[in-house]
Amino acid sequence: MAESIVLTIPRMYADHHVQRVRESLLAIEGVREVRASSMDRQVEVTFEPGEVSAAAIDAALSQAGYVQEGAEEALETAVPGDGSAWRRGTARVTRTNPADARMAGDFRKY
């Protein structure tokens, strides 16, 4: 019977990351389904435990360059930093220009 695990991947923040994670995991024999969300930075993997282990799934993610939550410190030492806010992972807040919001209609108001 298939099992599911949910993994948090802090650096999966865009659609191309989601696609790479999905491709990497679906290439593993025994992985049945992969649901990934860049918004939640989580991936749910449904797999056959008799064919693949959670450790093999973790290894495939690491090989693809995606470290799970908890290994973030190791990642920070591996990525050269320039001291920028991007590297520090600080919150970014944007404001919509009021003129853009008026022209765009309701679907653009956020």
PDB file of N, CA and C in Angstrom:
ATOM      1  N   MET A   1       0.843  -1.182   0.000  1.00  0.00           N
ATOM      2  CA  MET A   1       0.000   0.000   0.000  1.00  0.00           C
ATOM      3  C   MET A   1       0.893   1.252   0.000  1.00  0.00           C
ATOM      4  N   ALA A   2       0.505   2.227  -0.767  1.00  0.00           N
ATOM      5  CA  ALA A   2       1.294   3.449  -0.911  1.00  0.00           C
ATOM      6  C   ALA A   2       1.275   4.271   0.379  1.00  0.00           C
ATOM      7  N   GLU A   3       2.384   4.946   0.619  1.00  0.00           N
ATOM      8  CA  GLU A   3       2.502   5.863   1.749  1.00  0.00           C
ATOM      9  C   GLU A   3       2.770   7.253   1.208  1.00  0.00           C
ATOM     10  N   SER A   4       2.489   8.260   2.029  1.00  0.00           N
ATOM     11  CA  SER A   4       2.768   9.649   1.652  1.00  0.00           C
ATOM     12  C   SER A   4       3.594  10.306   2.738  1.00  0.00           C
ATOM     13  N   ILE A   5       4.518  11.152   2.306  1.00  0.00           N
ATOM     14  CA  ILE A   5       5.289  11.979   3.230  1.00  0.00           C
ATOM     15  C   ILE A   5       5.222  13.418   2.732  1.00  0.00           C
ATOM     16  N   VAL A   6       5.288  14.347   3.652  1.00  0.00           N
ATOM     17  CA  VAL A   6       5.308  15.769   3.315  1.00  0.00           C
ATOM     18  C   VAL A   6       6.645  16.324   3.781  1.00  0.00           C
ATOM     19  N   LEU A   7       7.360  16.951   2.856  1.00  0.00           N
ATOM     20  CA  LEU A   7       8.676  17.509   3.136  1.00  0.00           C
ATOM     21  C   LEU A   7       8.643  19.018   2.931  1.00  0.00           C
ATOM     22  N   THR A   8       9.311  19.749   3.793  1.00  0.00           N
ATOM     23  CA  THR A   8       9.433  21.196   3.650  1.00  0.00           C
ATOM     24  C   THR A   8      10.782  21.502   3.017  1.00  0.00           C
ATOM     25  N   ILE A   9      10.738  22.265   1.916  1.00  0.00           N
ATOM     26  CA  ILE A   9      11.950  22.596   1.176  1.00  0.00           C
ATOM     27  C   ILE A   9      12.031  24.124   1.079  1.00  0.00           C
ATOM     28  N   PRO A  10      12.811  24.764   1.945  1.00  0.00           N
ATOM     29  CA  PRO A  10      12.830  26.223   2.024  1.00  0.00           C
ATOM     30  C   PRO A  10      13.215  26.926   0.726  1.00  0.00           C
ATOM     31  N   ARG A  11      14.043  26.335  -0.076  1.00  0.00           N
ATOM     32  CA  ARG A  11      14.524  27.010  -1.281  1.00  0.00           C
ATOM     33  C   ARG A  11      13.685  26.719  -2.527  1.00  0.00           C
ATOM     34  N   MET A  12      12.513  26.140  -2.375  1.00  0.00           N
ATOM     35  CA  MET A  12      11.616  25.882  -3.501  1.00  0.00           C
ATOM     36  C   MET A  12      10.608  27.032  -3.547  1.00  0.00           C
ATOM     37  N   TYR A  13      10.986  28.147  -4.157  1.00  0.00           N
ATOM     38  CA  TYR A  13      10.156  29.343  -4.098  1.00  0.00           C
ATOM     39  C   TYR A  13       9.666  29.840  -5.452  1.00  0.00           C
ATOM     40  N   ALA A  14       9.853  29.080  -6.511  1.00  0.00           N
ATOM     41  CA  ALA A  14       9.375  29.497  -7.824  1.00  0.00           C
ATOM     42  C   ALA A  14       8.954  28.272  -8.629  1.00  0.00           C
ATOM     43  N   ASP A  15       8.229  28.524  -9.705  1.00  0.00           N
ATOM     44  CA  ASP A  15       7.691  27.422 -10.501  1.00  0.00           C
ATOM     45  C   ASP A  15       8.775  26.523 -11.085  1.00  0.00           C
ATOM     46  N   HIS A  16       9.904  27.095 -11.475  1.00  0.00           N
ATOM     47  CA  HIS A  16      10.948  26.240 -12.040  1.00  0.00           C
ATOM     48  C   HIS A  16      11.536  25.307 -10.976  1.00  0.00           C
ATOM     49  N   HIS A  17      11.511  25.719  -9.727  1.00  0.00           N
ATOM     50  CA  HIS A  17      11.943  24.829  -8.644  1.00  0.00           C
ATOM     51  C   HIS A  17      10.956  23.678  -8.483  1.00  0.00           C
ATOM     52  N   VAL A  18       9.682  23.998  -8.530  1.00  0.00           N
ATOM     53  CA  VAL A  18       8.639  22.975  -8.413  1.00  0.00           C
ATOM     54  C   VAL A  18       8.810  21.940  -9.524  1.00  0.00           C
ATOM     55  N   GLN A  19       9.023  22.420 -10.733  1.00  0.00           N
ATOM     56  CA  GLN A  19       9.164  21.491 -11.854  1.00  0.00           C
ATOM     57  C   GLN A  19      10.387  20.595 -11.681  1.00  0.00           C
ATOM     58  N   ARG A  20      11.495  21.175 -11.247  1.00  0.00           N
ATOM     59  CA  ARG A  20      12.703  20.366 -11.063  1.00  0.00           C
ATOM     60  C   ARG A  20      12.523  19.320  -9.950  1.00  0.00           C
ATOM     61  N   VAL A  21      11.888  19.714  -8.865  1.00  0.00           N
ATOM     62  CA  VAL A  21      11.628  18.778  -7.770  1.00  0.00           C
ATOM     63  C   VAL A  21      10.725  17.645  -8.261  1.00  0.00           C
ATOM     64  N   ARG A  22       9.659  18.004  -8.976  1.00  0.00           N
ATOM     65  CA  ARG A  22       8.742  16.977  -9.490  1.00  0.00           C
ATOM     66  C   ARG A  22       9.464  16.018 -10.433  1.00  0.00           C
ATOM     67  N   GLU A  23      10.240  16.559 -11.364  1.00  0.00           N
ATOM     68  CA  GLU A  23      10.960  15.706 -12.318  1.00  0.00           C
ATOM     69  C   GLU A  23      11.945  14.784 -11.609  1.00  0.00           C
ATOM     70  N   SER A  24      12.649  15.322 -10.625  1.00  0.00           N
ATOM     71  CA  SER A  24      13.640  14.523  -9.895  1.00  0.00           C
ATOM     72  C   SER A  24      12.984  13.376  -9.137  1.00  0.00           C
ATOM     73  N   LEU A  25      11.849  13.650  -8.518  1.00  0.00           N
ATOM     74  CA  LEU A  25      11.194  12.625  -7.718  1.00  0.00           C
ATOM     75  C   LEU A  25      10.410  11.619  -8.565  1.00  0.00           C
ATOM     76  N   LEU A  26       9.772  12.083  -9.626  1.00  0.00           N
ATOM     77  CA  LEU A  26       9.010  11.168 -10.478  1.00  0.00           C
ATOM     78  C   LEU A  26       9.911  10.225 -11.273  1.00  0.00           C
ATOM     79  N   ALA A  27      11.191  10.550 -11.378  1.00  0.00           N
ATOM     80  CA  ALA A  27      12.147   9.682 -12.061  1.00  0.00           C
ATOM     81  C   ALA A  27      12.531   8.465 -11.218  1.00  0.00           C
ATOM     82  N   ILE A  28      12.176   8.480  -9.937  1.00  0.00           N
ATOM     83  CA  ILE A  28      12.509   7.384  -9.026  1.00  0.00           C
ATOM     84  C   ILE A  28      11.471   6.274  -9.160  1.00  0.00           C
ATOM     85  N   GLU A  29      11.946   5.062  -9.354  1.00  0.00           N
ATOM     86  CA  GLU A  29      11.066   3.901  -9.414  1.00  0.00           C
ATOM     87  C   GLU A  29      10.369   3.739  -8.068  1.00  0.00           C
ATOM     88  N   GLY A  30       9.063   3.674  -8.075  1.00  0.00           N
ATOM     89  CA  GLY A  30       8.299   3.513  -6.845  1.00  0.00           C
ATOM     90  C   GLY A  30       7.582   4.767  -6.399  1.00  0.00           C
ATOM     91  N   VAL A  31       7.972   5.932  -6.926  1.00  0.00           N
ATOM     92  CA  VAL A  31       7.266   7.175  -6.606  1.00  0.00           C
ATOM     93  C   VAL A  31       6.038   7.250  -7.500  1.00  0.00           C
ATOM     94  N   ARG A  32       4.877   7.363  -6.901  1.00  0.00           N
ATOM     95  CA  ARG A  32       3.621   7.344  -7.647  1.00  0.00           C
ATOM     96  C   ARG A  32       3.097   8.734  -7.972  1.00  0.00           C
ATOM     97  N   GLU A  33       3.229   9.655  -7.025  1.00  0.00           N
ATOM     98  CA  GLU A  33       2.662  10.987  -7.230  1.00  0.00           C
ATOM     99  C   GLU A  33       3.482  12.009  -6.452  1.00  0.00           C
ATOM    100  N   VAL A  34       3.618  13.195  -7.039  1.00  0.00           N
ATOM    101  CA  VAL A  34       4.333  14.280  -6.374  1.00  0.00           C
ATOM    102  C   VAL A  34       3.484  15.537  -6.502  1.00  0.00           C
ATOM    103  N   ARG A  35       3.177  16.135  -5.371  1.00  0.00           N
ATOM    104  CA  ARG A  35       2.481  17.420  -5.342  1.00  0.00           C
ATOM    105  C   ARG A  35       3.413  18.409  -4.675  1.00  0.00           C
ATOM    106  N   ALA A  36       3.762  19.449  -5.406  1.00  0.00           N
ATOM    107  CA  ALA A  36       4.704  20.434  -4.875  1.00  0.00           C
ATOM    108  C   ALA A  36       4.095  21.826  -4.942  1.00  0.00           C
ATOM    109  N   SER A  37       4.369  22.634  -3.929  1.00  0.00           N
ATOM    110  CA  SER A  37       3.847  23.990  -3.851  1.00  0.00           C
ATOM    111  C   SER A  37       4.976  24.952  -3.521  1.00  0.00           C
ATOM    112  N   SER A  38       5.221  25.895  -4.435  1.00  0.00           N
ATOM    113  CA  SER A  38       6.239  26.905  -4.146  1.00  0.00           C
ATOM    114  C   SER A  38       5.726  27.906  -3.118  1.00  0.00           C
ATOM    115  N   MET A  39       4.420  28.075  -3.024  1.00  0.00           N
ATOM    116  CA  MET A  39       3.865  28.987  -2.034  1.00  0.00           C
ATOM    117  C   MET A  39       4.081  28.448  -0.617  1.00  0.00           C
ATOM    118  N   ASP A  40       3.798  27.152  -0.432  1.00  0.00           N
ATOM    119  CA  ASP A  40       3.964  26.540   0.884  1.00  0.00           C
ATOM    120  C   ASP A  40       5.378  26.024   1.110  1.00  0.00           C
ATOM    121  N   ARG A  41       6.136  25.935   0.020  1.00  0.00           N
ATOM    122  CA  ARG A  41       7.489  25.369   0.040  1.00  0.00           C
ATOM    123  C   ARG A  41       7.477  23.954   0.601  1.00  0.00           C
ATOM    124  N   GLN A  42       6.463  23.208   0.164  1.00  0.00           N
ATOM    125  CA  GLN A  42       6.325  21.821   0.602  1.00  0.00           C
ATOM    126  C   GLN A  42       6.082  20.920  -0.596  1.00  0.00           C
ATOM    127  N   VAL A  43       6.478  19.674  -0.430  1.00  0.00           N
ATOM    128  CA  VAL A  43       6.229  18.657  -1.444  1.00  0.00           C
ATOM    129  C   VAL A  43       5.645  17.433  -0.744  1.00  0.00           C
ATOM    130  N   GLU A  44       4.562  16.911  -1.311  1.00  0.00           N
ATOM    131  CA  GLU A  44       3.955  15.680  -0.808  1.00  0.00           C
ATOM    132  C   GLU A  44       4.286  14.584  -1.810  1.00  0.00           C
ATOM    133  N   VAL A  45       4.906  13.527  -1.322  1.00  0.00           N
ATOM    134  CA  VAL A  45       5.334  12.427  -2.173  1.00  0.00           C
ATOM    135  C   VAL A  45       4.577  11.168  -1.776  1.00  0.00           C
ATOM    136  N   THR A  46       3.900  10.566  -2.751  1.00  0.00           N
ATOM    137  CA  THR A  46       3.228   9.284  -2.546  1.00  0.00           C
ATOM    138  C   THR A  46       4.086   8.223  -3.207  1.00  0.00           C
ATOM    139  N   PHE A  47       4.456   7.198  -2.425  1.00  0.00           N
ATOM    140  CA  PHE A  47       5.399   6.198  -2.935  1.00  0.00           C
ATOM    141  C   PHE A  47       5.061   4.821  -2.387  1.00  0.00           C
ATOM    142  N   GLU A  48       5.612   3.811  -3.038  1.00  0.00           N
ATOM    143  CA  GLU A  48       5.470   2.423  -2.598  1.00  0.00           C
ATOM    144  C   GLU A  48       6.666   2.088  -1.704  1.00  0.00           C
ATOM    145  N   PRO A  49       6.451   1.857  -0.416  1.00  0.00           N
ATOM    146  CA  PRO A  49       7.565   1.613   0.506  1.00  0.00           C
ATOM    147  C   PRO A  49       8.374   0.363   0.176  1.00  0.00           C
ATOM    148  N   GLY A  50       7.797  -0.593  -0.516  1.00  0.00           N
ATOM    149  CA  GLY A  50       8.539  -1.790  -0.904  1.00  0.00           C
ATOM    150  C   GLY A  50       9.485  -1.559  -2.066  1.00  0.00           C
ATOM    151  N   GLU A  51       9.287  -0.442  -2.787  1.00  0.00           N
ATOM    152  CA  GLU A  51      10.104  -0.147  -3.960  1.00  0.00           C
ATOM    153  C   GLU A  51      11.116   0.977  -3.728  1.00  0.00           C
ATOM    154  N   VAL A  52      10.792   1.903  -2.847  1.00  0.00           N
ATOM    155  CA  VAL A  52      11.674   3.052  -2.609  1.00  0.00           C
ATOM    156  C   VAL A  52      11.544   3.464  -1.145  1.00  0.00           C
ATOM    157  N   SER A  53      12.628   3.975  -0.598  1.00  0.00           N
ATOM    158  CA  SER A  53      12.614   4.407   0.800  1.00  0.00           C
ATOM    159  C   SER A  53      12.569   5.932   0.889  1.00  0.00           C
ATOM    160  N   ALA A  54      12.193   6.416   2.043  1.00  0.00           N
ATOM    161  CA  ALA A  54      12.198   7.862   2.280  1.00  0.00           C
ATOM    162  C   ALA A  54      13.615   8.414   2.160  1.00  0.00           C
ATOM    163  N   ALA A  55      14.614   7.610   2.537  1.00  0.00           N
ATOM    164  CA  ALA A  55      16.013   8.038   2.413  1.00  0.00           C
ATOM    165  C   ALA A  55      16.404   8.239   0.950  1.00  0.00           C
ATOM    166  N   ALA A  56      15.900   7.392   0.055  1.00  0.00           N
ATOM    167  CA  ALA A  56      16.189   7.543  -1.374  1.00  0.00           C
ATOM    168  C   ALA A  56      15.528   8.799  -1.928  1.00  0.00           C
ATOM    169  N   ILE A  57      14.348   9.117  -1.435  1.00  0.00           N
ATOM    170  CA  ILE A  57      13.657  10.343  -1.846  1.00  0.00           C
ATOM    171  C   ILE A  57      14.448  11.560  -1.383  1.00  0.00           C
ATOM    172  N   ASP A  58      14.908  11.531  -0.140  1.00  0.00           N
ATOM    173  CA  ASP A  58      15.722  12.609   0.400  1.00  0.00           C
ATOM    174  C   ASP A  58      17.020  12.767  -0.396  1.00  0.00           C
ATOM    175  N   ALA A  59      17.646  11.651  -0.749  1.00  0.00           N
ATOM    176  CA  ALA A  59      18.893  11.703  -1.524  1.00  0.00           C
ATOM    177  C   ALA A  59      18.663  12.305  -2.902  1.00  0.00           C
ATOM    178  N   ALA A  60      17.538  11.982  -3.531  1.00  0.00           N
ATOM    179  CA  ALA A  60      17.226  12.547  -4.846  1.00  0.00           C
ATOM    180  C   ALA A  60      17.016  14.056  -4.758  1.00  0.00           C
ATOM    181  N   LEU A  61      16.345  14.508  -3.698  1.00  0.00           N
ATOM    182  CA  LEU A  61      16.165  15.949  -3.503  1.00  0.00           C
ATOM    183  C   LEU A  61      17.499  16.649  -3.286  1.00  0.00           C
ATOM    184  N   SER A  62      18.357  16.050  -2.472  1.00  0.00           N
ATOM    185  CA  SER A  62      19.678  16.642  -2.216  1.00  0.00           C
ATOM    186  C   SER A  62      20.509  16.693  -3.487  1.00  0.00           C
ATOM    187  N   GLN A  63      20.450  15.630  -4.280  1.00  0.00           N
ATOM    188  CA  GLN A  63      21.204  15.596  -5.532  1.00  0.00           C
ATOM    189  C   GLN A  63      20.702  16.662  -6.504  1.00  0.00           C
ATOM    190  N   ALA A  64      19.409  16.961  -6.465  1.00  0.00           N
ATOM    191  CA  ALA A  64      18.832  17.993  -7.327  1.00  0.00           C
ATOM    192  C   ALA A  64      19.112  19.398  -6.793  1.00  0.00           C
ATOM    193  N   GLY A  65      19.655  19.486  -5.566  1.00  0.00           N
ATOM    194  CA  GLY A  65      20.015  20.784  -5.000  1.00  0.00           C
ATOM    195  C   GLY A  65      18.995  21.346  -4.031  1.00  0.00           C
ATOM    196  N   TYR A  66      18.074  20.521  -3.571  1.00  0.00           N
ATOM    197  CA  TYR A  66      17.030  20.984  -2.660  1.00  0.00           C
ATOM    198  C   TYR A  66      17.178  20.310  -1.315  1.00  0.00           C
ATOM    199  N   VAL A  67      17.584  21.104  -0.331  1.00  0.00           N
ATOM    200  CA  VAL A  67      17.812  20.610   1.016  1.00  0.00           C
ATOM    201  C   VAL A  67      16.530  20.824   1.811  1.00  0.00           C
ATOM    202  N   GLN A  68      16.175  19.834   2.594  1.00  0.00           N
ATOM    203  CA  GLN A  68      14.975  19.947   3.406  1.00  0.00           C
ATOM    204  C   GLN A  68      15.182  20.879   4.583  1.00  0.00           C
ATOM    205  N   GLU A  69      14.064  21.279   5.178  1.00  0.00           N
ATOM    206  CA  GLU A  69      14.097  22.111   6.371  1.00  0.00           C
ATOM    207  C   GLU A  69      14.871  21.386   7.465  1.00  0.00           C
ATOM    208  N   GLY A  70      15.694  22.117   8.178  1.00  0.00           N
ATOM    209  CA  GLY A  70      16.514  21.510   9.213  1.00  0.00           C
ATOM    210  C   GLY A  70      17.962  21.399   8.753  1.00  0.00           C
ATOM    211  N   ALA A  71      18.163  21.374   7.445  1.00  0.00           N
ATOM    212  CA  ALA A  71      19.512  21.334   6.901  1.00  0.00           C
ATOM    213  C   ALA A  71      19.883  22.714   6.340  1.00  0.00           C
ATOM    214  N   GLU A  72      19.114  23.719   6.712  1.00  0.00           N
ATOM    215  CA  GLU A  72      19.308  25.072   6.196  1.00  0.00           C
ATOM    216  C   GLU A  72      20.674  25.643   6.570  1.00  0.00           C
ATOM    217  N   GLU A  73      21.157  25.352   7.772  1.00  0.00           N
ATOM    218  CA  GLU A  73      22.461  25.874   8.175  1.00  0.00           C
ATOM    219  C   GLU A  73      23.567  25.333   7.285  1.00  0.00           C
ATOM    220  N   ALA A  74      23.491  24.066   6.943  1.00  0.00           N
ATOM    221  CA  ALA A  74      24.489  23.479   6.053  1.00  0.00           C
ATOM    222  C   ALA A  74      24.435  24.136   4.689  1.00  0.00           C
ATOM    223  N   LEU A  75      23.245  24.462   4.230  1.00  0.00           N
ATOM    224  CA  LEU A  75      23.106  25.120   2.938  1.00  0.00           C
ATOM    225  C   LEU A  75      23.716  26.512   2.974  1.00  0.00           C
ATOM    226  N   GLU A  76      23.486  27.242   4.040  1.00  0.00           N
ATOM    227  CA  GLU A  76      24.026  28.602   4.145  1.00  0.00           C
ATOM    228  C   GLU A  76      25.551  28.613   4.078  1.00  0.00           C
ATOM    229  N   THR A  77      26.196  27.617   4.638  1.00  0.00           N
ATOM    230  CA  THR A  77      27.657  27.597   4.578  1.00  0.00           C
ATOM    231  C   THR A  77      28.147  27.167   3.198  1.00  0.00           C
ATOM    232  N   ALA A  78      27.305  26.467   2.435  1.00  0.00           N
ATOM    233  CA  ALA A  78      27.708  26.011   1.106  1.00  0.00           C
ATOM    234  C   ALA A  78      27.495  27.081   0.045  1.00  0.00           C
ATOM    235  N   VAL A  79      26.602  28.048   0.289  1.00  0.00           N
ATOM    236  CA  VAL A  79      26.301  29.088  -0.689  1.00  0.00           C
ATOM    237  C   VAL A  79      27.095  30.328  -0.321  1.00  0.00           C
ATOM    238  N   PRO A  80      27.919  30.815  -1.256  1.00  0.00           N
ATOM    239  CA  PRO A  80      28.681  32.022  -0.941  1.00  0.00           C
ATOM    240  C   PRO A  80      27.745  33.203  -0.720  1.00  0.00           C
ATOM    241  N   GLY A  81      27.971  33.928   0.337  1.00  0.00           N
ATOM    242  CA  GLY A  81      27.100  35.054   0.659  1.00  0.00           C
ATOM    243  C   GLY A  81      27.746  36.380   0.316  1.00  0.00           C
ATOM    244  N   ASP A  82      26.912  37.340  -0.042  1.00  0.00           N
ATOM    245  CA  ASP A  82      27.410  38.675  -0.315  1.00  0.00           C
ATOM    246  C   ASP A  82      26.871  39.678   0.692  1.00  0.00           C
ATOM    247  N   GLY A  83      26.160  39.164   1.709  1.00  0.00           N
ATOM    248  CA  GLY A  83      25.618  40.038   2.734  1.00  0.00           C
ATOM    249  C   GLY A  83      24.323  40.718   2.350  1.00  0.00           C
ATOM    250  N   SER A  84      23.801  40.420   1.158  1.00  0.00           N
ATOM    251  CA  SER A  84      22.581  41.075   0.704  1.00  0.00           C
ATOM    252  C   SER A  84      21.363  40.523   1.445  1.00  0.00           C
ATOM    253  N   ALA A  85      20.278  41.273   1.391  1.00  0.00           N
ATOM    254  CA  ALA A  85      19.028  40.834   2.015  1.00  0.00           C
ATOM    255  C   ALA A  85      18.528  39.553   1.358  1.00  0.00           C
ATOM    256  N   TRP A  86      18.793  39.383   0.082  1.00  0.00           N
ATOM    257  CA  TRP A  86      18.356  38.172  -0.616  1.00  0.00           C
ATOM    258  C   TRP A  86      18.974  36.943   0.022  1.00  0.00           C
ATOM    259  N   ARG A  87      20.253  36.998   0.324  1.00  0.00           N
ATOM    260  CA  ARG A  87      20.943  35.862   0.926  1.00  0.00           C
ATOM    261  C   ARG A  87      20.519  35.635   2.377  1.00  0.00           C
ATOM    262  N   ARG A  88      20.157  36.693   3.076  1.00  0.00           N
ATOM    263  CA  ARG A  88      19.749  36.553   4.472  1.00  0.00           C
ATOM    264  C   ARG A  88      18.340  36.000   4.596  1.00  0.00           C
ATOM    265  N   GLY A  89      17.593  36.041   3.524  1.00  0.00           N
ATOM    266  CA  GLY A  89      16.242  35.496   3.552  1.00  0.00           C
ATOM    267  C   GLY A  89      15.259  36.358   4.320  1.00  0.00           C
ATOM    268  N   THR A  90      15.462  37.666   4.317  1.00  0.00           N
ATOM    269  CA  THR A  90      14.544  38.543   5.032  1.00  0.00           C
ATOM    270  C   THR A  90      13.237  38.673   4.255  1.00  0.00           C
ATOM    271  N   ALA A  91      12.208  39.079   4.956  1.00  0.00           N
ATOM    272  CA  ALA A  91      10.902  39.254   4.323  1.00  0.00           C
ATOM    273  C   ALA A  91      10.956  40.415   3.342  1.00  0.00           C
ATOM    274  N   ARG A  92      10.281  40.225   2.236  1.00  0.00           N
ATOM    275  CA  ARG A  92      10.215  41.271   1.225  1.00  0.00           C
ATOM    276  C   ARG A  92       8.761  41.707   1.101  1.00  0.00           C
ATOM    277  N   VAL A  93       8.541  43.002   1.163  1.00  0.00           N
ATOM    278  CA  VAL A  93       7.186  43.521   1.080  1.00  0.00           C
ATOM    279  C   VAL A  93       7.136  44.468  -0.108  1.00  0.00           C
ATOM    280  N   THR A  94       6.157  44.266  -0.949  1.00  0.00           N
ATOM    281  CA  THR A  94       5.975  45.167  -2.087  1.00  0.00           C
ATOM    282  C   THR A  94       4.630  45.858  -1.945  1.00  0.00           C
ATOM    283  N   ARG A  95       4.532  47.011  -2.531  1.00  0.00           N
ATOM    284  CA  ARG A  95       3.277  47.748  -2.517  1.00  0.00           C
ATOM    285  C   ARG A  95       2.862  47.992  -3.960  1.00  0.00           C
ATOM    286  N   THR A  96       1.606  47.771  -4.218  1.00  0.00           N
ATOM    287  CA  THR A  96       1.070  48.023  -5.549  1.00  0.00           C
ATOM    288  C   THR A  96       0.888  49.514  -5.729  1.00  0.00           C
ATOM    289  N   ASN A  97       1.335  50.003  -6.879  1.00  0.00           N
ATOM    290  CA  ASN A  97       1.128  51.398  -7.218  1.00  0.00           C
ATOM    291  C   ASN A  97      -0.379  51.615  -7.319  1.00  0.00           C
ATOM    292  N   PRO A  98      -0.928  52.614  -6.634  1.00  0.00           N
ATOM    293  CA  PRO A  98      -2.376  52.840  -6.668  1.00  0.00           C
ATOM    294  C   PRO A  98      -2.922  53.014  -8.085  1.00  0.00           C
ATOM    295  N   ALA A  99      -2.160  53.643  -8.975  1.00  0.00           N
ATOM    296  CA  ALA A  99      -2.620  53.820 -10.355  1.00  0.00           C
ATOM    297  C   ALA A  99      -2.739  52.470 -11.054  1.00  0.00           C
ATOM    298  N   ASP A 100      -1.810  51.577 -10.804  1.00  0.00           N
ATOM    299  CA  ASP A 100      -1.890  50.239 -11.394  1.00  0.00           C
ATOM    300  C   ASP A 100      -3.107  49.488 -10.874  1.00  0.00           C
ATOM    301  N   ALA A 101      -3.385  49.605  -9.601  1.00  0.00           N
ATOM    302  CA  ALA A 101      -4.526  48.912  -9.007  1.00  0.00           C
ATOM    303  C   ALA A 101      -5.837  49.419  -9.597  1.00  0.00           C
ATOM    304  N   ARG A 102      -5.944  50.740  -9.808  1.00  0.00           N
ATOM    305  CA  ARG A 102      -7.170  51.287 -10.386  1.00  0.00           C
ATOM    306  C   ARG A 102      -7.366  50.809 -11.823  1.00  0.00           C
ATOM    307  N   MET A 103      -6.301  50.696 -12.586  1.00  0.00           N
ATOM    308  CA  MET A 103      -6.407  50.302 -14.005  1.00  0.00           C
ATOM    309  C   MET A 103      -6.616  48.798 -14.160  1.00  0.00           C
ATOM    310  N   ALA A 104      -6.143  48.008 -13.236  1.00  0.00           N
ATOM    311  CA  ALA A 104      -6.105  46.566 -13.434  1.00  0.00           C
ATOM    312  C   ALA A 104      -7.410  45.851 -13.117  1.00  0.00           C
ATOM    313  N   GLY A 105      -8.258  46.400 -12.339  1.00  0.00           N
ATOM    314  CA  GLY A 105      -9.485  45.704 -11.971  1.00  0.00           C
ATOM    315  C   GLY A 105      -9.291  44.887 -10.712  1.00  0.00           C
ATOM    316  N   ASP A 106     -10.356  44.231 -10.274  1.00  0.00           N
ATOM    317  CA  ASP A 106     -10.341  43.519  -9.006  1.00  0.00           C
ATOM    318  C   ASP A 106      -9.339  42.394  -8.931  1.00  0.00           C
ATOM    319  N   PHE A 107      -9.072  41.719 -10.052  1.00  0.00           N
ATOM    320  CA  PHE A 107      -8.190  40.558  -9.976  1.00  0.00           C
ATOM    321  C   PHE A 107      -6.751  40.926  -9.655  1.00  0.00           C
ATOM    322  N   ARG A 108      -6.384  42.188  -9.762  1.00  0.00           N
ATOM    323  CA  ARG A 108      -5.009  42.597  -9.490  1.00  0.00           C
ATOM    324  C   ARG A 108      -4.821  43.188  -8.097  1.00  0.00           C
ATOM    325  N   LYS A 109      -5.861  43.383  -7.343  1.00  0.00           N
ATOM    326  CA  LYS A 109      -5.726  44.019  -6.035  1.00  0.00           C
ATOM    327  C   LYS A 109      -5.257  43.009  -5.018  1.00  0.00           C
ATOM    328  N   TYR A 110      -4.050  43.227  -4.515  1.00  0.00           N
ATOM    329  CA  TYR A 110      -3.476  42.318  -3.535  1.00  0.00           C
ATOM    330  C   TYR A 110      -2.702  43.082  -2.514  1.00  0.00           C
TER     331      TYR A 110
END
